[in-house]
Amino acid sequence: MFFTRYNKGRPRGFPPDKDVYVCESRYNEEKYKLNKIKTWASCLPDEVREKDYEMDLFDQPKKMKK
């Protein structure tokens, strides 16, 4: 799930007792470090780049915790 959407809701139909994992960074194999993702489209495969999913929105946005 995109980091920017996580605090707004959960994917529709996803069991409430299961954890949702998000990704904020990607690994740079040449420099051996993590870089924050600025453009999500560049990180997704072509076949899922245009797909979207429905969400059950929260009444109030959740606070992020790492």
C-alpha atoms as a PDB file:
ATOM      1  CA  MET A   1       0.000   0.000   0.000  1.00  0.00           C
ATOM      2  CA  PHE A   2       1.236   3.472  -0.768  1.00  0.00           C
ATOM      3  CA  PHE A   3       2.645   5.343   2.200  1.00  0.00           C
ATOM      4  CA  THR A   4       0.550   8.404   1.314  1.00  0.00           C
ATOM      5  CA  ARG A   5      -2.749   6.472   1.499  1.00  0.00           C
ATOM      6  CA  TYR A   6      -2.165   4.375   4.609  1.00  0.00           C
ATOM      7  CA  ASN A   7      -3.389   6.909   7.160  1.00  0.00           C
ATOM      8  CA  LYS A   8      -6.644   7.559   5.258  1.00  0.00           C
ATOM      9  CA  GLY A   9      -8.129   4.051   5.332  1.00  0.00           C
ATOM     10  CA  ARG A  10      -7.792   0.307   4.758  1.00  0.00           C
ATOM     11  CA  PRO A  11      -8.235  -1.628   1.518  1.00  0.00           C
ATOM     12  CA  ARG A  12     -11.883  -2.700   1.226  1.00  0.00           C
ATOM     13  CA  GLY A  13     -12.419  -6.308   2.241  1.00  0.00           C
ATOM     14  CA  PHE A  14      -9.051  -6.625   3.978  1.00  0.00           C
ATOM     15  CA  PRO A  15      -9.495  -8.447   7.320  1.00  0.00           C
ATOM     16  CA  PRO A  16      -9.326  -6.015  10.272  1.00  0.00           C
ATOM     17  CA  ASP A  17      -7.187  -8.420  12.311  1.00  0.00           C
ATOM     18  CA  LYS A  18      -4.433  -8.423   9.653  1.00  0.00           C
ATOM     19  CA  ASP A  19      -1.665  -5.832   9.560  1.00  0.00           C
ATOM     20  CA  VAL A  20      -1.238  -3.532   6.567  1.00  0.00           C
ATOM     21  CA  TYR A  21       2.363  -2.989   5.503  1.00  0.00           C
ATOM     22  CA  VAL A  22       3.426   0.122   3.649  1.00  0.00           C
ATOM     23  CA  CYS A  23       6.552   1.137   1.841  1.00  0.00           C
ATOM     24  CA  GLU A  24       8.107   4.582   2.106  1.00  0.00           C
ATOM     25  CA  SER A  25      11.570   3.856   0.697  1.00  0.00           C
ATOM     26  CA  ARG A  26      13.326   1.710  -1.857  1.00  0.00           C
ATOM     27  CA  TYR A  27      16.758   0.150  -1.654  1.00  0.00           C
ATOM     28  CA  ASN A  28      19.566   1.467  -3.850  1.00  0.00           C
ATOM     29  CA  GLU A  29      21.816  -1.509  -4.609  1.00  0.00           C
ATOM     30  CA  GLU A  30      24.650   0.639  -5.942  1.00  0.00           C
ATOM     31  CA  LYS A  31      24.932   2.900  -2.890  1.00  0.00           C
ATOM     32  CA  TYR A  32      23.693   0.331  -0.331  1.00  0.00           C
ATOM     33  CA  LYS A  33      21.138   2.670   1.221  1.00  0.00           C
ATOM     34  CA  LEU A  34      17.428   3.437   1.308  1.00  0.00           C
ATOM     35  CA  ASN A  35      15.939   6.353  -0.635  1.00  0.00           C
ATOM     36  CA  LYS A  36      12.487   7.815  -0.046  1.00  0.00           C
ATOM     37  CA  ILE A  37      10.112   7.192  -2.934  1.00  0.00           C
ATOM     38  CA  LYS A  38       9.209  10.466  -4.650  1.00  0.00           C
ATOM     39  CA  THR A  39       7.346   9.135  -7.702  1.00  0.00           C
ATOM     40  CA  TRP A  40       5.306   6.022  -6.974  1.00  0.00           C
ATOM     41  CA  ALA A  41       4.581   5.253 -10.622  1.00  0.00           C
ATOM     42  CA  SER A  42       8.268   4.596 -11.267  1.00  0.00           C
ATOM     43  CA  CYS A  43       8.301   1.859  -8.608  1.00  0.00           C
ATOM     44  CA  LEU A  44       5.345  -0.122  -9.929  1.00  0.00           C
ATOM     45  CA  PRO A  45       5.305  -2.715 -12.704  1.00  0.00           C
ATOM     46  CA  ASP A  46       3.480  -1.618 -15.877  1.00  0.00           C
ATOM     47  CA  GLU A  47       0.629  -4.121 -15.411  1.00  0.00           C
ATOM     48  CA  VAL A  48      -0.457  -2.635 -12.058  1.00  0.00           C
ATOM     49  CA  ARG A  49       0.507   0.997 -12.556  1.00  0.00           C
ATOM     50  CA  GLU A  50      -2.998   2.105 -13.638  1.00  0.00           C
ATOM     51  CA  LYS A  51      -4.961  -0.150 -11.244  1.00  0.00           C
ATOM     52  CA  ASP A  52      -6.556   1.232  -8.118  1.00  0.00           C
ATOM     53  CA  TYR A  53      -8.359  -0.362  -5.188  1.00  0.00           C
ATOM     54  CA  GLU A  54     -11.365   0.659  -3.123  1.00  0.00           C
ATOM     55  CA  MET A  55     -10.797   1.748   0.442  1.00  0.00           C
ATOM     56  CA  ASP A  56     -12.819   1.891   3.635  1.00  0.00           C
ATOM     57  CA  LEU A  57     -11.952   5.376   4.875  1.00  0.00           C
ATOM     58  CA  PHE A  58     -11.358   6.162   8.556  1.00  0.00           C
ATOM     59  CA  ASP A  59     -13.449   8.823  10.319  1.00  0.00           C
ATOM     60  CA  GLN A  60     -10.204  10.643  11.099  1.00  0.00           C
ATOM     61  CA  PRO A  61      -6.758  10.034   9.583  1.00  0.00           C
ATOM     62  CA  LYS A  62      -4.523   7.721  11.618  1.00  0.00           C
ATOM     63  CA  LYS A  63      -1.180   8.865  12.948  1.00  0.00           C
ATOM     64  CA  MET A  64       1.825   7.133  11.462  1.00  0.00           C
ATOM     65  CA  LYS A  65       4.162   5.158  13.700  1.00  0.00           C
ATOM     66  CA  LYS A  66       7.421   3.543  12.669  1.00  0.00           C
END
